[in-house]
Amino acid sequence: MTDGTETLRGLTIEGAILPPMAFRLPHGMHAIEVSLSADERSTAAHRLVRDIYPNGELPLWDAMGSLYSAMADEMLANGVGFFGIGLYSLDDGGVAHCSLTVAVVESDENDQEVVARGVQALLLRNPLCEVTWLDLPCGPAVCGVTATRLLMDSRYTASGRDEELVMNQVQVHVPFATGPYTAVFTLDTASVEQWEEFSHAMAGIVGSVDFPSPATSQSPVEQ
């Protein structure tokens, strides 16, 4: 997938159709809009698998396509409208990985700054969260960065010993300019050595967010 614009127009909250939202994806990000219809979502999940595993074969594509389709169903049930996987080759032959989700929550407030200030106050209650105020082209937003340490069971490590896994997360809350809603962009990665690059990628994504009017919004770009 190359750089492209995604315009999400079918997002819903408890049956209410939300205003459209557009943003750009960086090179290497493979994604599906999970708020599509069930058939479209399944098709998109199978296409996503072929993008991620271009050298795979049909049995792998079918198995992983079904897995990602079921995962997309579960995400939709939990309020996630968009899911992406970033895969990037490293000089040593390894692969850096990150995941991106976009969810939308109702905020009961139309003023973007009021919403952002409320989110900022909530995030500041967590002493382990690094909170930053953002002035994006689409309006104010709030960024929270956290790190979580997990213990991986020896059955799932290459060394055969229990190992510590560090997961970094950056989450950006972007109030809509066109309604009482807030988009929550979340990027997670265990590739902490590439954290700076992923942070820049996330900055580019949220910096490109736009809230076009329904009359002017375009259909999603096929990736």
C-alpha atoms as a PDB file:
ATOM      1  CA  MET A   1       0.000   0.000   0.000  1.00  0.00           C
ATOM      2  CA  THR A   2       1.315   3.413  -0.900  1.00  0.00           C
ATOM      3  CA  ASP A   3       0.380   6.734   0.622  1.00  0.00           C
ATOM      4  CA  GLY A   4      -3.358   7.220   0.180  1.00  0.00           C
ATOM      5  CA  THR A   5      -6.367   9.017   1.571  1.00  0.00           C
ATOM      6  CA  GLU A   6      -9.029   7.092   3.461  1.00  0.00           C
ATOM      7  CA  THR A   7     -12.446   8.761   3.743  1.00  0.00           C
ATOM      8  CA  LEU A   8     -14.595   7.027   6.342  1.00  0.00           C
ATOM      9  CA  ARG A   9     -18.257   7.705   5.653  1.00  0.00           C
ATOM     10  CA  GLY A  10     -20.090   4.710   7.060  1.00  0.00           C
ATOM     11  CA  LEU A  11     -19.073   4.905  10.725  1.00  0.00           C
ATOM     12  CA  THR A  12     -21.947   4.545  13.159  1.00  0.00           C
ATOM     13  CA  ILE A  13     -22.588   4.824  16.888  1.00  0.00           C
ATOM     14  CA  GLU A  14     -25.717   3.019  18.102  1.00  0.00           C
ATOM     15  CA  GLY A  15     -27.255   3.319  14.656  1.00  0.00           C
ATOM     16  CA  ALA A  16     -26.401   7.008  14.109  1.00  0.00           C
ATOM     17  CA  ILE A  17     -24.407   7.705  10.940  1.00  0.00           C
ATOM     18  CA  LEU A  18     -21.463   9.961  11.744  1.00  0.00           C
ATOM     19  CA  PRO A  19     -20.055  12.817   9.661  1.00  0.00           C
ATOM     20  CA  PRO A  20     -17.248  11.727   7.294  1.00  0.00           C
ATOM     21  CA  MET A  21     -13.627  11.845   8.335  1.00  0.00           C
ATOM     22  CA  ALA A  22     -10.573  11.636   6.074  1.00  0.00           C
ATOM     23  CA  PHE A  23      -6.888  11.026   6.774  1.00  0.00           C
ATOM     24  CA  ARG A  24      -3.773   9.876   4.952  1.00  0.00           C
ATOM     25  CA  LEU A  25      -1.940   6.619   5.563  1.00  0.00           C
ATOM     26  CA  PRO A  26       1.855   6.288   5.361  1.00  0.00           C
ATOM     27  CA  HIS A  27       3.639   3.910   3.028  1.00  0.00           C
ATOM     28  CA  GLY A  28       3.676   0.373   4.411  1.00  0.00           C
ATOM     29  CA  MET A  29       0.353   0.626   6.234  1.00  0.00           C
ATOM     30  CA  HIS A  30      -2.133  -2.078   5.173  1.00  0.00           C
ATOM     31  CA  ALA A  31      -5.643  -1.359   6.343  1.00  0.00           C
ATOM     32  CA  ILE A  32      -9.353  -2.117   6.200  1.00  0.00           C
ATOM     33  CA  GLU A  33     -12.398  -0.089   7.149  1.00  0.00           C
ATOM     34  CA  VAL A  34     -14.181  -2.446   9.534  1.00  0.00           C
ATOM     35  CA  SER A  35     -17.373  -0.361   9.485  1.00  0.00           C
ATOM     36  CA  LEU A  36     -18.194  -1.742   6.021  1.00  0.00           C
ATOM     37  CA  SER A  37     -21.044  -4.206   5.515  1.00  0.00           C
ATOM     38  CA  ALA A  38     -20.344  -7.815   6.547  1.00  0.00           C
ATOM     39  CA  ASP A  39     -19.685  -8.970   2.967  1.00  0.00           C
ATOM     40  CA  GLU A  40     -17.519  -5.935   2.160  1.00  0.00           C
ATOM     41  CA  ARG A  41     -15.631  -6.385   5.418  1.00  0.00           C
ATOM     42  CA  SER A  42     -14.870 -10.035   4.624  1.00  0.00           C
ATOM     43  CA  THR A  43     -13.677  -9.112   1.131  1.00  0.00           C
ATOM     44  CA  ALA A  44     -11.501  -6.311   2.530  1.00  0.00           C
ATOM     45  CA  ALA A  45     -10.005  -8.665   5.146  1.00  0.00           C
ATOM     46  CA  HIS A  46      -9.015 -11.220   2.495  1.00  0.00           C
ATOM     47  CA  ARG A  47      -7.518  -8.437   0.352  1.00  0.00           C
ATOM     48  CA  LEU A  48      -5.599  -7.187   3.390  1.00  0.00           C
ATOM     49  CA  VAL A  49      -4.073 -10.638   3.892  1.00  0.00           C
ATOM     50  CA  ARG A  50      -2.865 -10.761   0.284  1.00  0.00           C
ATOM     51  CA  ASP A  51      -1.271  -7.320   0.778  1.00  0.00           C
ATOM     52  CA  ILE A  52       0.499  -8.460   3.948  1.00  0.00           C
ATOM     53  CA  TYR A  53       1.589 -11.840   2.548  1.00  0.00           C
ATOM     54  CA  PRO A  54       2.158 -11.168  -1.176  1.00  0.00           C
ATOM     55  CA  ASN A  55       4.291 -14.316  -1.522  1.00  0.00           C
ATOM     56  CA  GLY A  56       1.816 -16.557   0.273  1.00  0.00           C
ATOM     57  CA  GLU A  57      -0.374 -19.252  -1.195  1.00  0.00           C
ATOM     58  CA  LEU A  58      -4.130 -19.796  -1.279  1.00  0.00           C
ATOM     59  CA  PRO A  59      -4.372 -21.959   1.899  1.00  0.00           C
ATOM     60  CA  LEU A  60      -2.551 -19.283   3.901  1.00  0.00           C
ATOM     61  CA  TRP A  61      -4.633 -16.467   2.386  1.00  0.00           C
ATOM     62  CA  ASP A  62      -7.892 -18.286   3.102  1.00  0.00           C
ATOM     63  CA  ALA A  63      -6.957 -19.132   6.699  1.00  0.00           C
ATOM     64  CA  MET A  64      -5.589 -15.697   7.559  1.00  0.00           C
ATOM     65  CA  GLY A  65      -8.413 -13.964   5.663  1.00  0.00           C
ATOM     66  CA  SER A  66     -10.983 -15.758   7.808  1.00  0.00           C
ATOM     67  CA  LEU A  67      -9.006 -14.873  10.940  1.00  0.00           C
ATOM     68  CA  TYR A  68      -8.775 -11.182  10.064  1.00  0.00           C
ATOM     69  CA  SER A  69     -12.442 -11.124   9.043  1.00  0.00           C
ATOM     70  CA  ALA A  70     -13.469 -12.507  12.450  1.00  0.00           C
ATOM     71  CA  MET A  71     -11.122 -10.037  14.151  1.00  0.00           C
ATOM     72  CA  ALA A  72     -12.691  -7.161  12.194  1.00  0.00           C
ATOM     73  CA  ASP A  73     -16.155  -8.307  13.323  1.00  0.00           C
ATOM     74  CA  GLU A  74     -14.986  -8.284  16.936  1.00  0.00           C
ATOM     75  CA  MET A  75     -13.412  -4.838  16.548  1.00  0.00           C
ATOM     76  CA  LEU A  76     -16.593  -3.425  15.057  1.00  0.00           C
ATOM     77  CA  ALA A  77     -18.576  -4.786  18.009  1.00  0.00           C
ATOM     78  CA  ASN A  78     -16.174  -2.884  20.305  1.00  0.00           C
ATOM     79  CA  GLY A  79     -16.508   0.450  18.500  1.00  0.00           C
ATOM     80  CA  VAL A  80     -13.452   0.265  16.215  1.00  0.00           C
ATOM     81  CA  GLY A  81     -14.179   1.532  12.698  1.00  0.00           C
ATOM     82  CA  PHE A  82     -10.748   1.203  11.072  1.00  0.00           C
ATOM     83  CA  PHE A  83      -7.803  -1.151  11.482  1.00  0.00           C
ATOM     84  CA  GLY A  84      -4.341  -1.095   9.957  1.00  0.00           C
ATOM     85  CA  ILE A  85      -1.098  -3.055  10.162  1.00  0.00           C
ATOM     86  CA  GLY A  86       2.231  -1.428   9.403  1.00  0.00           C
ATOM     87  CA  LEU A  87       5.078  -3.687   8.232  1.00  0.00           C
ATOM     88  CA  TYR A  88       8.540  -2.276   7.571  1.00  0.00           C
ATOM     89  CA  SER A  89      11.748  -4.092   6.563  1.00  0.00           C
ATOM     90  CA  LEU A  90      14.833  -3.529   8.714  1.00  0.00           C
ATOM     91  CA  ASP A  91      18.463  -3.456   7.601  1.00  0.00           C
ATOM     92  CA  ASP A  92      19.210  -6.646   9.562  1.00  0.00           C
ATOM     93  CA  GLY A  93      16.538  -8.568   7.669  1.00  0.00           C
ATOM     94  CA  GLY A  94      13.910  -8.288  10.401  1.00  0.00           C
ATOM     95  CA  VAL A  95      10.509  -6.629  10.246  1.00  0.00           C
ATOM     96  CA  ALA A  96       9.171  -3.776  12.391  1.00  0.00           C
ATOM     97  CA  HIS A  97       5.457  -4.034  13.108  1.00  0.00           C
ATOM     98  CA  CYS A  98       2.776  -1.689  14.377  1.00  0.00           C
ATOM     99  CA  SER A  99      -1.017  -1.712  14.535  1.00  0.00           C
ATOM    100  CA  LEU A 100      -3.376   1.221  14.049  1.00  0.00           C
ATOM    101  CA  THR A 101      -7.013   1.472  15.073  1.00  0.00           C
ATOM    102  CA  VAL A 102      -9.500   4.305  14.757  1.00  0.00           C
ATOM    103  CA  ALA A 103     -12.581   4.450  16.957  1.00  0.00           C
ATOM    104  CA  VAL A 104     -15.174   7.192  17.336  1.00  0.00           C
ATOM    105  CA  VAL A 105     -16.964   8.065  20.581  1.00  0.00           C
ATOM    106  CA  GLU A 106     -19.797  10.482  21.231  1.00  0.00           C
ATOM    107  CA  SER A 107     -18.686  13.519  23.227  1.00  0.00           C
ATOM    108  CA  ASP A 108     -21.994  15.390  23.824  1.00  0.00           C
ATOM    109  CA  GLU A 109     -20.189  18.642  23.019  1.00  0.00           C
ATOM    110  CA  ASN A 110     -19.663  20.473  19.724  1.00  0.00           C
ATOM    111  CA  ASP A 111     -16.857  22.810  20.818  1.00  0.00           C
ATOM    112  CA  GLN A 112     -13.581  21.111  19.828  1.00  0.00           C
ATOM    113  CA  GLU A 113     -11.467  22.880  22.435  1.00  0.00           C
ATOM    114  CA  VAL A 114     -13.872  22.088  25.275  1.00  0.00           C
ATOM    115  CA  VAL A 115     -13.778  18.411  24.310  1.00  0.00           C
ATOM    116  CA  ALA A 116      -9.983  18.411  23.998  1.00  0.00           C
ATOM    117  CA  ARG A 117      -9.557  20.072  27.388  1.00  0.00           C
ATOM    118  CA  GLY A 118     -11.788  17.444  28.958  1.00  0.00           C
ATOM    119  CA  VAL A 119      -9.763  14.619  27.395  1.00  0.00           C
ATOM    120  CA  GLN A 120      -6.533  16.263  28.501  1.00  0.00           C
ATOM    121  CA  ALA A 121      -7.784  16.467  32.106  1.00  0.00           C
ATOM    122  CA  LEU A 122      -8.713  12.776  32.081  1.00  0.00           C
ATOM    123  CA  LEU A 123      -5.388  11.639  30.630  1.00  0.00           C
ATOM    124  CA  LEU A 124      -3.413  13.718  33.119  1.00  0.00           C
ATOM    125  CA  ARG A 125      -4.899  11.619  35.911  1.00  0.00           C
ATOM    126  CA  ASN A 126      -2.647   8.755  34.786  1.00  0.00           C
ATOM    127  CA  PRO A 127       0.885   9.469  36.073  1.00  0.00           C
ATOM    128  CA  LEU A 128       2.322   6.914  33.619  1.00  0.00           C
ATOM    129  CA  CYS A 129       0.881   8.699  30.575  1.00  0.00           C
ATOM    130  CA  GLU A 130       2.877  11.406  28.792  1.00  0.00           C
ATOM    131  CA  VAL A 131       0.240  13.926  27.704  1.00  0.00           C
ATOM    132  CA  THR A 132       0.719  16.523  24.956  1.00  0.00           C
ATOM    133  CA  TRP A 133      -1.663  19.149  23.585  1.00  0.00           C
ATOM    134  CA  LEU A 134      -1.724  19.274  19.766  1.00  0.00           C
ATOM    135  CA  ASP A 135      -2.857  22.052  17.439  1.00  0.00           C
ATOM    136  CA  LEU A 136      -3.688  20.150  14.261  1.00  0.00           C
ATOM    137  CA  PRO A 137      -4.878  21.689  10.964  1.00  0.00           C
ATOM    138  CA  CYS A 138      -8.331  20.218  11.719  1.00  0.00           C
ATOM    139  CA  GLY A 139      -8.403  21.666  15.244  1.00  0.00           C
ATOM    140  CA  PRO A 140      -7.137  20.886  18.762  1.00  0.00           C
ATOM    141  CA  ALA A 141      -6.286  17.340  19.840  1.00  0.00           C
ATOM    142  CA  VAL A 142      -4.639  15.551  22.751  1.00  0.00           C
ATOM    143  CA  CYS A 143      -1.915  12.910  22.587  1.00  0.00           C
ATOM    144  CA  GLY A 144      -1.144  10.322  25.263  1.00  0.00           C
ATOM    145  CA  VAL A 145       1.916   8.045  25.211  1.00  0.00           C
ATOM    146  CA  THR A 146       2.299   4.996  27.456  1.00  0.00           C
ATOM    147  CA  ALA A 147       4.640   2.006  27.756  1.00  0.00           C
ATOM    148  CA  THR A 148       3.595  -1.389  29.091  1.00  0.00           C
ATOM    149  CA  ARG A 149       5.914  -4.215  30.149  1.00  0.00           C
ATOM    150  CA  LEU A 150       4.625  -7.741  29.565  1.00  0.00           C
ATOM    151  CA  LEU A 151       6.161 -11.087  30.490  1.00  0.00           C
ATOM    152  CA  MET A 152       6.158 -13.502  27.550  1.00  0.00           C
ATOM    153  CA  ASP A 153       5.826 -17.191  28.433  1.00  0.00           C
ATOM    154  CA  SER A 154       8.854 -19.303  27.468  1.00  0.00           C
ATOM    155  CA  ARG A 155       6.633 -21.408  25.195  1.00  0.00           C
ATOM    156  CA  TYR A 156       6.346 -18.451  22.830  1.00  0.00           C
ATOM    157  CA  THR A 157       9.912 -17.113  22.825  1.00  0.00           C
ATOM    158  CA  ALA A 158      12.829 -18.042  20.567  1.00  0.00           C
ATOM    159  CA  SER A 159      15.165 -18.441  23.543  1.00  0.00           C
ATOM    160  CA  GLY A 160      12.911 -20.883  25.360  1.00  0.00           C
ATOM    161  CA  ARG A 161      13.001 -18.627  28.444  1.00  0.00           C
ATOM    162  CA  ASP A 162      10.480 -16.137  29.821  1.00  0.00           C
ATOM    163  CA  GLU A 163      11.226 -12.745  28.286  1.00  0.00           C
ATOM    164  CA  GLU A 164      10.038  -9.222  28.932  1.00  0.00           C
ATOM    165  CA  LEU A 165       8.173  -7.521  26.094  1.00  0.00           C
ATOM    166  CA  VAL A 166       7.750  -3.747  26.028  1.00  0.00           C
ATOM    167  CA  MET A 167       4.709  -2.375  24.209  1.00  0.00           C
ATOM    168  CA  ASN A 168       4.592   1.321  23.367  1.00  0.00           C
ATOM    169  CA  GLN A 169       1.313   3.042  22.589  1.00  0.00           C
ATOM    170  CA  VAL A 170       0.473   6.483  21.270  1.00  0.00           C
ATOM    171  CA  GLN A 171      -3.171   7.516  21.331  1.00  0.00           C
ATOM    172  CA  VAL A 172      -4.479  10.758  19.843  1.00  0.00           C
ATOM    173  CA  HIS A 173      -7.960  12.081  20.584  1.00  0.00           C
ATOM    174  CA  VAL A 174      -9.240  14.304  17.774  1.00  0.00           C
ATOM    175  CA  PRO A 175     -12.587  16.071  18.325  1.00  0.00           C
ATOM    176  CA  PHE A 176     -14.756  16.313  15.210  1.00  0.00           C
ATOM    177  CA  ALA A 177     -15.229  19.763  13.687  1.00  0.00           C
ATOM    178  CA  THR A 178     -18.606  18.665  12.301  1.00  0.00           C
ATOM    179  CA  GLY A 179     -20.396  17.118  15.261  1.00  0.00           C
ATOM    180  CA  PRO A 180     -20.287  16.010  18.915  1.00  0.00           C
ATOM    181  CA  TYR A 181     -17.863  13.123  18.349  1.00  0.00           C
ATOM    182  CA  THR A 182     -14.203  12.364  19.002  1.00  0.00           C
ATOM    183  CA  ALA A 183     -11.967  10.143  16.874  1.00  0.00           C
ATOM    184  CA  VAL A 184      -9.449   8.080  18.833  1.00  0.00           C
ATOM    185  CA  PHE A 185      -6.355   7.051  16.843  1.00  0.00           C
ATOM    186  CA  THR A 186      -4.301   4.344  18.596  1.00  0.00           C
ATOM    187  CA  LEU A 187      -0.938   3.014  17.415  1.00  0.00           C
ATOM    188  CA  ASP A 188       0.656   0.086  19.265  1.00  0.00           C
ATOM    189  CA  THR A 189       4.064  -1.481  18.663  1.00  0.00           C
ATOM    190  CA  ALA A 190       6.530  -3.848  20.275  1.00  0.00           C
ATOM    191  CA  SER A 191       9.232  -2.588  17.884  1.00  0.00           C
ATOM    192  CA  VAL A 192      10.466  -0.014  20.388  1.00  0.00           C
ATOM    193  CA  GLU A 193      13.739   0.504  18.517  1.00  0.00           C
ATOM    194  CA  GLN A 194      11.683   2.072  15.718  1.00  0.00           C
ATOM    195  CA  TRP A 195       9.531   4.137  18.089  1.00  0.00           C
ATOM    196  CA  GLU A 196      10.729   7.467  16.699  1.00  0.00           C
ATOM    197  CA  GLU A 197       9.779   6.471  13.149  1.00  0.00           C
ATOM    198  CA  PHE A 198       6.368   5.216  14.263  1.00  0.00           C
ATOM    199  CA  SER A 199       5.784   8.413  16.239  1.00  0.00           C
ATOM    200  CA  HIS A 200       6.515  10.463  13.126  1.00  0.00           C
ATOM    201  CA  ALA A 201       4.161   8.254  11.124  1.00  0.00           C
ATOM    202  CA  MET A 202       1.396   8.802  13.674  1.00  0.00           C
ATOM    203  CA  ALA A 203       2.025  12.550  13.600  1.00  0.00           C
ATOM    204  CA  GLY A 204       1.575  12.477   9.833  1.00  0.00           C
ATOM    205  CA  ILE A 205      -1.670  10.506  10.102  1.00  0.00           C
ATOM    206  CA  VAL A 206      -3.372  12.759  12.646  1.00  0.00           C
ATOM    207  CA  GLY A 207      -1.908  15.855  11.015  1.00  0.00           C
ATOM    208  CA  SER A 208      -3.752  14.929   7.816  1.00  0.00           C
ATOM    209  CA  VAL A 209      -7.169  14.474   9.472  1.00  0.00           C
ATOM    210  CA  ASP A 210      -9.944  16.376   7.749  1.00  0.00           C
ATOM    211  CA  PHE A 211     -13.690  16.533   8.329  1.00  0.00           C
ATOM    212  CA  PRO A 212     -15.196  17.117   4.871  1.00  0.00           C
ATOM    213  CA  SER A 213     -18.859  17.936   4.504  1.00  0.00           C
ATOM    214  CA  PRO A 214     -20.990  14.990   3.288  1.00  0.00           C
ATOM    215  CA  ALA A 215     -21.596  16.798  -0.012  1.00  0.00           C
ATOM    216  CA  THR A 216     -17.885  17.164  -0.792  1.00  0.00           C
ATOM    217  CA  SER A 217     -16.455  13.924   0.643  1.00  0.00           C
ATOM    218  CA  GLN A 218     -15.080  11.431  -1.841  1.00  0.00           C
ATOM    219  CA  SER A 219     -15.279   7.669  -1.986  1.00  0.00           C
ATOM    220  CA  PRO A 220     -12.416   5.784  -0.286  1.00  0.00           C
ATOM    221  CA  VAL A 221      -9.320   5.459  -2.433  1.00  0.00           C
ATOM    222  CA  GLU A 222      -8.675   1.850  -3.411  1.00  0.00           C
ATOM    223  CA  GLN A 223      -5.279   0.809  -2.130  1.00  0.00           C
END
